[in-house]
All heavy atoms as atom14 arrays in JSON, in Angstrom:
{
  "sequence": "GDRFFVHLFGKRSRDGYHGVFYVGPITASPPAV",
  "atom14_mask": [
    [1, 1, 1, 1, 0, 0, 0, 0, 0, 0, 0, 0, 0, 0],
    [1, 1, 1, 1, 1, 1, 1, 1, 0, 0, 0, 0, 0, 0],
    [1, 1, 1, 1, 1, 1, 1, 1, 1, 1, 1, 0, 0, 0],
    [1, 1, 1, 1, 1, 1, 1, 1, 1, 1, 1, 0, 0, 0],
    [1, 1, 1, 1, 1, 1, 1, 1, 1, 1, 1, 0, 0, 0],
    [1, 1, 1, 1, 1, 1, 1, 0, 0, 0, 0, 0, 0, 0],
    [1, 1, 1, 1, 1, 1, 1, 1, 1, 1, 0, 0, 0, 0],
    [1, 1, 1, 1, 1, 1, 1, 1, 0, 0, 0, 0, 0, 0],
    [1, 1, 1, 1, 1, 1, 1, 1, 1, 1, 1, 0, 0, 0],
    [1, 1, 1, 1, 0, 0, 0, 0, 0, 0, 0, 0, 0, 0],
    [1, 1, 1, 1, 1, 1, 1, 1, 1, 0, 0, 0, 0, 0],
    [1, 1, 1, 1, 1, 1, 1, 1, 1, 1, 1, 0, 0, 0],
    [1, 1, 1, 1, 1, 1, 0, 0, 0, 0, 0, 0, 0, 0],
    [1, 1, 1, 1, 1, 1, 1, 1, 1, 1, 1, 0, 0, 0],
    [1, 1, 1, 1, 1, 1, 1, 1, 0, 0, 0, 0, 0, 0],
    [1, 1, 1, 1, 0, 0, 0, 0, 0, 0, 0, 0, 0, 0],
    [1, 1, 1, 1, 1, 1, 1, 1, 1, 1, 1, 1, 0, 0],
    [1, 1, 1, 1, 1, 1, 1, 1, 1, 1, 0, 0, 0, 0],
    [1, 1, 1, 1, 0, 0, 0, 0, 0, 0, 0, 0, 0, 0],
    [1, 1, 1, 1, 1, 1, 1, 0, 0, 0, 0, 0, 0, 0],
    [1, 1, 1, 1, 1, 1, 1, 1, 1, 1, 1, 0, 0, 0],
    [1, 1, 1, 1, 1, 1, 1, 1, 1, 1, 1, 1, 0, 0],
    [1, 1, 1, 1, 1, 1, 1, 0, 0, 0, 0, 0, 0, 0],
    [1, 1, 1, 1, 0, 0, 0, 0, 0, 0, 0, 0, 0, 0],
    [1, 1, 1, 1, 1, 1, 1, 0, 0, 0, 0, 0, 0, 0],
    [1, 1, 1, 1, 1, 1, 1, 1, 0, 0, 0, 0, 0, 0],
    [1, 1, 1, 1, 1, 1, 1, 0, 0, 0, 0, 0, 0, 0],
    [1, 1, 1, 1, 1, 0, 0, 0, 0, 0, 0, 0, 0, 0],
    [1, 1, 1, 1, 1, 1, 0, 0, 0, 0, 0, 0, 0, 0],
    [1, 1, 1, 1, 1, 1, 1, 0, 0, 0, 0, 0, 0, 0],
    [1, 1, 1, 1, 1, 1, 1, 0, 0, 0, 0, 0, 0, 0],
    [1, 1, 1, 1, 1, 0, 0, 0, 0, 0, 0, 0, 0, 0],
    [1, 1, 1, 1, 1, 1, 1, 0, 0, 0, 0, 0, 0, 0]
  ],
  "atom14_positions": [
    [[-33.63, -68.98, 17.85], [-33.45, -67.51, 17.83], [-32.36, -67.05, 18.65], [-31.52, -67.85, 19.24], [0.0, 0.0, 0.0], [0.0, 0.0, 0.0], [0.0, 0.0, 0.0], [0.0, 0.0, 0.0], [0.0, 0.0, 0.0], [0.0, 0.0, 0.0], [0.0, 0.0, 0.0], [0.0, 0.0, 0.0], [0.0, 0.0, 0.0], [0.0, 0.0, 0.0]],
    [[-32.31, -65.73, 18.76], [-31.14, -65.12, 19.52], [-31.59, -64.56, 20.86], [-30.7, -64.27, 21.63], [-30.61, -63.83, 18.69], [-30.01, -64.32, 17.3], [-29.33, -65.29, 17.35], [-30.31, -63.63, 16.3], [0.0, 0.0, 0.0], [0.0, 0.0, 0.0], [0.0, 0.0, 0.0], [0.0, 0.0, 0.0], [0.0, 0.0, 0.0], [0.0, 0.0, 0.0]],
    [[-32.88, -64.46, 21.15], [-33.27, -63.86, 22.41], [-33.22, -64.85, 23.56], [-33.55, -66.0, 23.45], [-34.77, -63.33, 22.32], [-34.97, -62.1, 21.57], [-34.49, -60.87, 22.32], [-35.14, -60.72, 23.51], [-36.37, -60.05, 23.66], [-36.91, -59.59, 22.61], [-36.96, -59.89, 24.85], [0.0, 0.0, 0.0], [0.0, 0.0, 0.0], [0.0, 0.0, 0.0]],
    [[-32.74, -64.38, 24.74], [-32.72, -65.21, 25.89], [-34.23, -65.4, 26.38], [-34.98, -64.39, 26.36], [-31.95, -64.57, 27.0], [-30.48, -64.59, 26.82], [-29.73, -63.93, 27.85], [-29.88, -65.2, 25.77], [-28.3, -63.87, 27.65], [-28.48, -65.21, 25.64], [-27.69, -64.58, 26.53], [0.0, 0.0, 0.0], [0.0, 0.0, 0.0], [0.0, 0.0, 0.0]],
    [[-34.54, -66.64, 26.85], [-35.97, -66.81, 27.37], [-35.94, -67.93, 28.39], [-35.07, -68.86, 28.46], [-36.94, -67.0, 26.3], [-36.79, -68.22, 25.49], [-37.23, -69.52, 25.92], [-36.32, -68.27, 24.17], [-37.1, -70.64, 25.11], [-36.19, -69.36, 23.38], [-36.54, -70.58, 23.9], [0.0, 0.0, 0.0], [0.0, 0.0, 0.0], [0.0, 0.0, 0.0]],
    [[-37.0, -67.96, 29.16], [-37.35, -68.95, 30.07], [-38.67, -69.61, 29.69], [-39.58, -68.93, 29.39], [-37.47, -68.49, 31.6], [-37.97, -69.59, 32.5], [-36.14, -67.98, 31.97], [0.0, 0.0, 0.0], [0.0, 0.0, 0.0], [0.0, 0.0, 0.0], [0.0, 0.0, 0.0], [0.0, 0.0, 0.0], [0.0, 0.0, 0.0], [0.0, 0.0, 0.0]],
    [[-38.68, -70.97, 29.54], [-39.92, -71.61, 29.11], [-40.18, -72.82, 30.03], [-39.25, -73.61, 30.29], [-39.8, -72.14, 27.68], [-40.88, -73.07, 27.27], [-42.14, -72.53, 26.94], [-41.02, -74.33, 27.08], [-43.0, -73.52, 26.61], [-42.23, -74.67, 26.7], [0.0, 0.0, 0.0], [0.0, 0.0, 0.0], [0.0, 0.0, 0.0], [0.0, 0.0, 0.0]],
    [[-41.42, -72.87, 30.62], [-41.73, -73.98, 31.45], [-42.54, -75.07, 30.69], [-43.39, -74.69, 29.82], [-42.57, -73.45, 32.64], [-41.95, -72.58, 33.62], [-42.79, -72.36, 34.89], [-40.49, -73.04, 33.97], [0.0, 0.0, 0.0], [0.0, 0.0, 0.0], [0.0, 0.0, 0.0], [0.0, 0.0, 0.0], [0.0, 0.0, 0.0], [0.0, 0.0, 0.0]],
    [[-42.38, -76.27, 31.04], [-43.13, -77.42, 30.44], [-44.49, -77.42, 31.15], [-44.74, -76.83, 32.19], [-42.4, -78.78, 30.68], [-41.0, -78.76, 30.19], [-40.07, -79.42, 30.93], [-40.61, -78.14, 29.07], [-38.74, -79.47, 30.5], [-39.34, -78.24, 28.55], [-38.31, -78.9, 29.35], [0.0, 0.0, 0.0], [0.0, 0.0, 0.0], [0.0, 0.0, 0.0]],
    [[-45.39, -78.2, 30.55], [-46.71, -78.41, 31.18], [-46.57, -79.2, 32.48], [-47.32, -78.98, 33.4], [0.0, 0.0, 0.0], [0.0, 0.0, 0.0], [0.0, 0.0, 0.0], [0.0, 0.0, 0.0], [0.0, 0.0, 0.0], [0.0, 0.0, 0.0], [0.0, 0.0, 0.0], [0.0, 0.0, 0.0], [0.0, 0.0, 0.0], [0.0, 0.0, 0.0]],
    [[-45.66, -80.03, 32.62], [-45.34, -80.82, 33.84], [-43.78, -81.06, 33.84], [-43.07, -80.98, 32.9], [-46.09, -82.1, 33.89], [-45.85, -83.09, 32.85], [-46.62, -84.31, 33.0], [-46.34, -85.33, 31.88], [-47.09, -86.62, 32.07], [0.0, 0.0, 0.0], [0.0, 0.0, 0.0], [0.0, 0.0, 0.0], [0.0, 0.0, 0.0], [0.0, 0.0, 0.0]],
    [[-43.34, -81.41, 35.02], [-41.92, -81.65, 35.2], [-41.47, -82.94, 34.33], [-42.22, -83.88, 34.27], [-41.59, -81.96, 36.65], [-40.09, -82.14, 37.0], [-39.91, -82.13, 38.47], [-40.48, -83.23, 39.21], [-40.34, -83.49, 40.44], [-39.56, -82.73, 41.19], [-40.9, -84.53, 41.02], [0.0, 0.0, 0.0], [0.0, 0.0, 0.0], [0.0, 0.0, 0.0]],
    [[-40.34, -82.78, 33.71], [-39.86, -83.81, 32.78], [-39.35, -84.98, 33.6], [-39.12, -84.92, 34.81], [-38.76, -83.21, 31.88], [-37.51, -83.01, 32.65], [0.0, 0.0, 0.0], [0.0, 0.0, 0.0], [0.0, 0.0, 0.0], [0.0, 0.0, 0.0], [0.0, 0.0, 0.0], [0.0, 0.0, 0.0], [0.0, 0.0, 0.0], [0.0, 0.0, 0.0]],
    [[-39.14, -86.12, 32.89], [-38.57, -87.26, 33.51], [-37.21, -87.09, 34.12], [-36.88, -87.72, 35.09], [-38.55, -88.4, 32.44], [-38.03, -89.76, 32.95], [-38.16, -90.81, 31.9], [-37.27, -90.4, 30.8], [-37.33, -91.13, 29.61], [-38.12, -92.23, 29.48], [-36.56, -90.68, 28.61], [0.0, 0.0, 0.0], [0.0, 0.0, 0.0], [0.0, 0.0, 0.0]],
    [[-36.49, -86.1, 33.58], [-35.13, -85.85, 34.16], [-35.17, -84.85, 35.3], [-34.09, -84.56, 35.8], [-34.24, -85.28, 32.99], [-33.93, -86.21, 31.92], [-33.93, -87.47, 32.29], [-33.69, -85.91, 30.78], [0.0, 0.0, 0.0], [0.0, 0.0, 0.0], [0.0, 0.0, 0.0], [0.0, 0.0, 0.0], [0.0, 0.0, 0.0], [0.0, 0.0, 0.0]],
    [[-36.36, -84.4, 35.62], [-36.53, -83.56, 36.81], [-36.37, -82.06, 36.55], [-36.08, -81.27, 37.49], [0.0, 0.0, 0.0], [0.0, 0.0, 0.0], [0.0, 0.0, 0.0], [0.0, 0.0, 0.0], [0.0, 0.0, 0.0], [0.0, 0.0, 0.0], [0.0, 0.0, 0.0], [0.0, 0.0, 0.0], [0.0, 0.0, 0.0], [0.0, 0.0, 0.0]],
    [[-36.69, -81.64, 35.35], [-36.65, -80.28, 34.94], [-38.09, -79.7, 34.8], [-38.88, -80.39, 34.15], [-35.81, -79.98, 33.75], [-34.35, -80.36, 33.86], [-33.78, -81.43, 33.19], [-33.56, -79.6, 34.71], [-32.48, -81.73, 33.32], [-32.23, -79.88, 34.83], [-31.67, -81.0, 34.11], [-30.39, -81.23, 34.33], [0.0, 0.0, 0.0], [0.0, 0.0, 0.0]],
    [[-38.35, -78.43, 35.28], [-39.64, -77.91, 35.1], [-39.69, -77.1, 33.72], [-40.77, -76.73, 33.3], [-39.97, -76.96, 36.22], [-39.97, -77.62, 37.54], [-38.79, -77.74, 38.36], [-40.95, -78.18, 38.28], [-39.11, -78.29, 39.48], [-40.35, -78.63, 39.44], [0.0, 0.0, 0.0], [0.0, 0.0, 0.0], [0.0, 0.0, 0.0], [0.0, 0.0, 0.0]],
    [[-38.5, -76.89, 33.15], [-38.45, -76.11, 31.94], [-37.05, -75.89, 31.46], [-36.15, -76.68, 31.92], [0.0, 0.0, 0.0], [0.0, 0.0, 0.0], [0.0, 0.0, 0.0], [0.0, 0.0, 0.0], [0.0, 0.0, 0.0], [0.0, 0.0, 0.0], [0.0, 0.0, 0.0], [0.0, 0.0, 0.0], [0.0, 0.0, 0.0], [0.0, 0.0, 0.0]],
    [[-36.84, -74.92, 30.61], [-35.47, -74.65, 30.09], [-35.27, -73.13, 30.11], [-36.18, -72.34, 30.21], [-35.32, -75.1, 28.62], [-35.43, -76.62, 28.52], [-36.29, -74.3, 27.66], [0.0, 0.0, 0.0], [0.0, 0.0, 0.0], [0.0, 0.0, 0.0], [0.0, 0.0, 0.0], [0.0, 0.0, 0.0], [0.0, 0.0, 0.0], [0.0, 0.0, 0.0]],
    [[-34.0, -72.81, 30.24], [-33.59, -71.35, 29.95], [-32.7, -71.45, 28.69], [-31.85, -72.23, 28.63], [-32.89, -70.8, 31.12], [-31.51, -71.32, 31.45], [-30.34, -70.61, 31.14], [-31.35, -72.54, 32.1], [-29.09, -71.1, 31.44], [-30.11, -73.02, 32.43], [-28.94, -72.34, 32.12], [0.0, 0.0, 0.0], [0.0, 0.0, 0.0], [0.0, 0.0, 0.0]],
    [[-33.06, -70.58, 27.75], [-32.42, -70.62, 26.43], [-31.47, -69.41, 26.26], [-31.78, -68.29, 26.62], [-33.46, -70.55, 25.37], [-33.01, -70.58, 23.91], [-32.51, -71.69, 23.29], [-32.95, -69.3, 23.18], [-32.0, -71.63, 22.01], [-32.44, -69.24, 21.95], [-32.0, -70.4, 21.3], [-31.5, -70.32, 20.01], [0.0, 0.0, 0.0], [0.0, 0.0, 0.0]],
    [[-30.23, -69.74, 25.75], [-29.21, -68.7, 25.63], [-28.68, -68.45, 24.27], [-27.71, -67.79, 24.05], [-28.0, -69.04, 26.57], [-28.48, -69.14, 28.06], [-27.34, -70.37, 26.16], [0.0, 0.0, 0.0], [0.0, 0.0, 0.0], [0.0, 0.0, 0.0], [0.0, 0.0, 0.0], [0.0, 0.0, 0.0], [0.0, 0.0, 0.0], [0.0, 0.0, 0.0]],
    [[-29.4, -69.03, 23.2], [-28.9, -68.68, 21.88], [-27.75, -69.54, 21.46], [-27.34, -70.45, 22.11], [0.0, 0.0, 0.0], [0.0, 0.0, 0.0], [0.0, 0.0, 0.0], [0.0, 0.0, 0.0], [0.0, 0.0, 0.0], [0.0, 0.0, 0.0], [0.0, 0.0, 0.0], [0.0, 0.0, 0.0], [0.0, 0.0, 0.0], [0.0, 0.0, 0.0]],
    [[-27.09, -69.08, 20.37], [-25.89, -69.77, 19.92], [-24.8, -69.57, 20.99], [-24.62, -68.47, 21.53], [-25.47, -68.97, 18.65], [-26.7, -68.37, 18.23], [-27.46, -68.04, 19.42], [0.0, 0.0, 0.0], [0.0, 0.0, 0.0], [0.0, 0.0, 0.0], [0.0, 0.0, 0.0], [0.0, 0.0, 0.0], [0.0, 0.0, 0.0], [0.0, 0.0, 0.0]],
    [[-24.06, -70.64, 21.25], [-23.03, -70.6, 22.34], [-21.67, -70.45, 21.83], [-21.34, -70.91, 20.69], [-23.2, -71.79, 23.33], [-23.06, -73.13, 22.52], [-24.47, -71.87, 24.09], [-23.01, -74.42, 23.41], [0.0, 0.0, 0.0], [0.0, 0.0, 0.0], [0.0, 0.0, 0.0], [0.0, 0.0, 0.0], [0.0, 0.0, 0.0], [0.0, 0.0, 0.0]],
    [[-20.77, -69.9, 22.62], [-19.38, -69.61, 22.31], [-18.53, -70.1, 23.44], [-18.86, -69.74, 24.56], [-19.24, -68.15, 22.01], [-20.22, -67.64, 21.13], [-17.83, -67.91, 21.4], [0.0, 0.0, 0.0], [0.0, 0.0, 0.0], [0.0, 0.0, 0.0], [0.0, 0.0, 0.0], [0.0, 0.0, 0.0], [0.0, 0.0, 0.0], [0.0, 0.0, 0.0]],
    [[-17.51, -70.78, 23.2], [-16.58, -71.31, 24.18], [-15.94, -70.15, 24.99], [-15.53, -69.12, 24.4], [-15.51, -72.18, 23.61], [0.0, 0.0, 0.0], [0.0, 0.0, 0.0], [0.0, 0.0, 0.0], [0.0, 0.0, 0.0], [0.0, 0.0, 0.0], [0.0, 0.0, 0.0], [0.0, 0.0, 0.0], [0.0, 0.0, 0.0], [0.0, 0.0, 0.0]],
    [[-15.79, -70.33, 26.31], [-15.1, -69.46, 27.21], [-13.93, -70.18, 27.73], [-14.04, -71.04, 28.5], [-16.01, -68.86, 28.23], [-15.27, -68.02, 29.09], [0.0, 0.0, 0.0], [0.0, 0.0, 0.0], [0.0, 0.0, 0.0], [0.0, 0.0, 0.0], [0.0, 0.0, 0.0], [0.0, 0.0, 0.0], [0.0, 0.0, 0.0], [0.0, 0.0, 0.0]],
    [[-12.67, -69.8, 27.43], [-11.48, -70.44, 27.9], [-11.24, -70.19, 29.36], [-11.93, -69.32, 29.91], [-10.43, -69.92, 26.95], [-10.86, -68.53, 26.61], [-12.38, -68.63, 26.46], [0.0, 0.0, 0.0], [0.0, 0.0, 0.0], [0.0, 0.0, 0.0], [0.0, 0.0, 0.0], [0.0, 0.0, 0.0], [0.0, 0.0, 0.0], [0.0, 0.0, 0.0]],
    [[-10.34, -70.93, 29.95], [-10.02, -70.64, 31.33], [-9.52, -69.22, 31.64], [-8.86, -68.58, 30.66], [-8.86, -71.7, 31.62], [-9.0, -72.71, 30.64], [-9.56, -72.07, 29.49], [0.0, 0.0, 0.0], [0.0, 0.0, 0.0], [0.0, 0.0, 0.0], [0.0, 0.0, 0.0], [0.0, 0.0, 0.0], [0.0, 0.0, 0.0], [0.0, 0.0, 0.0]],
    [[-9.9, -68.7, 32.76], [-9.44, -67.32, 33.1], [-7.9, -67.21, 33.18], [-7.36, -66.18, 32.88], [-10.11, -66.87, 34.33], [0.0, 0.0, 0.0], [0.0, 0.0, 0.0], [0.0, 0.0, 0.0], [0.0, 0.0, 0.0], [0.0, 0.0, 0.0], [0.0, 0.0, 0.0], [0.0, 0.0, 0.0], [0.0, 0.0, 0.0], [0.0, 0.0, 0.0]],
    [[-7.32, -68.27, 33.71], [-5.85, -68.34, 33.81], [-5.46, -69.55, 33.03], [-5.87, -70.62, 33.3], [-5.41, -68.4, 35.23], [-3.87, -68.49, 35.31], [-5.89, -67.23, 36.04], [0.0, 0.0, 0.0], [0.0, 0.0, 0.0], [0.0, 0.0, 0.0], [0.0, 0.0, 0.0], [0.0, 0.0, 0.0], [0.0, 0.0, 0.0], [0.0, 0.0, 0.0]]
  ]
}
């Protein structure tokens, strides 16, 4: 979907994350300079 959200897993993942933050479809941001 399009809405930003935070979702926690039932337990910490093998990679050491407690959950995810979701940002929808992503768009490249070029260098500022």
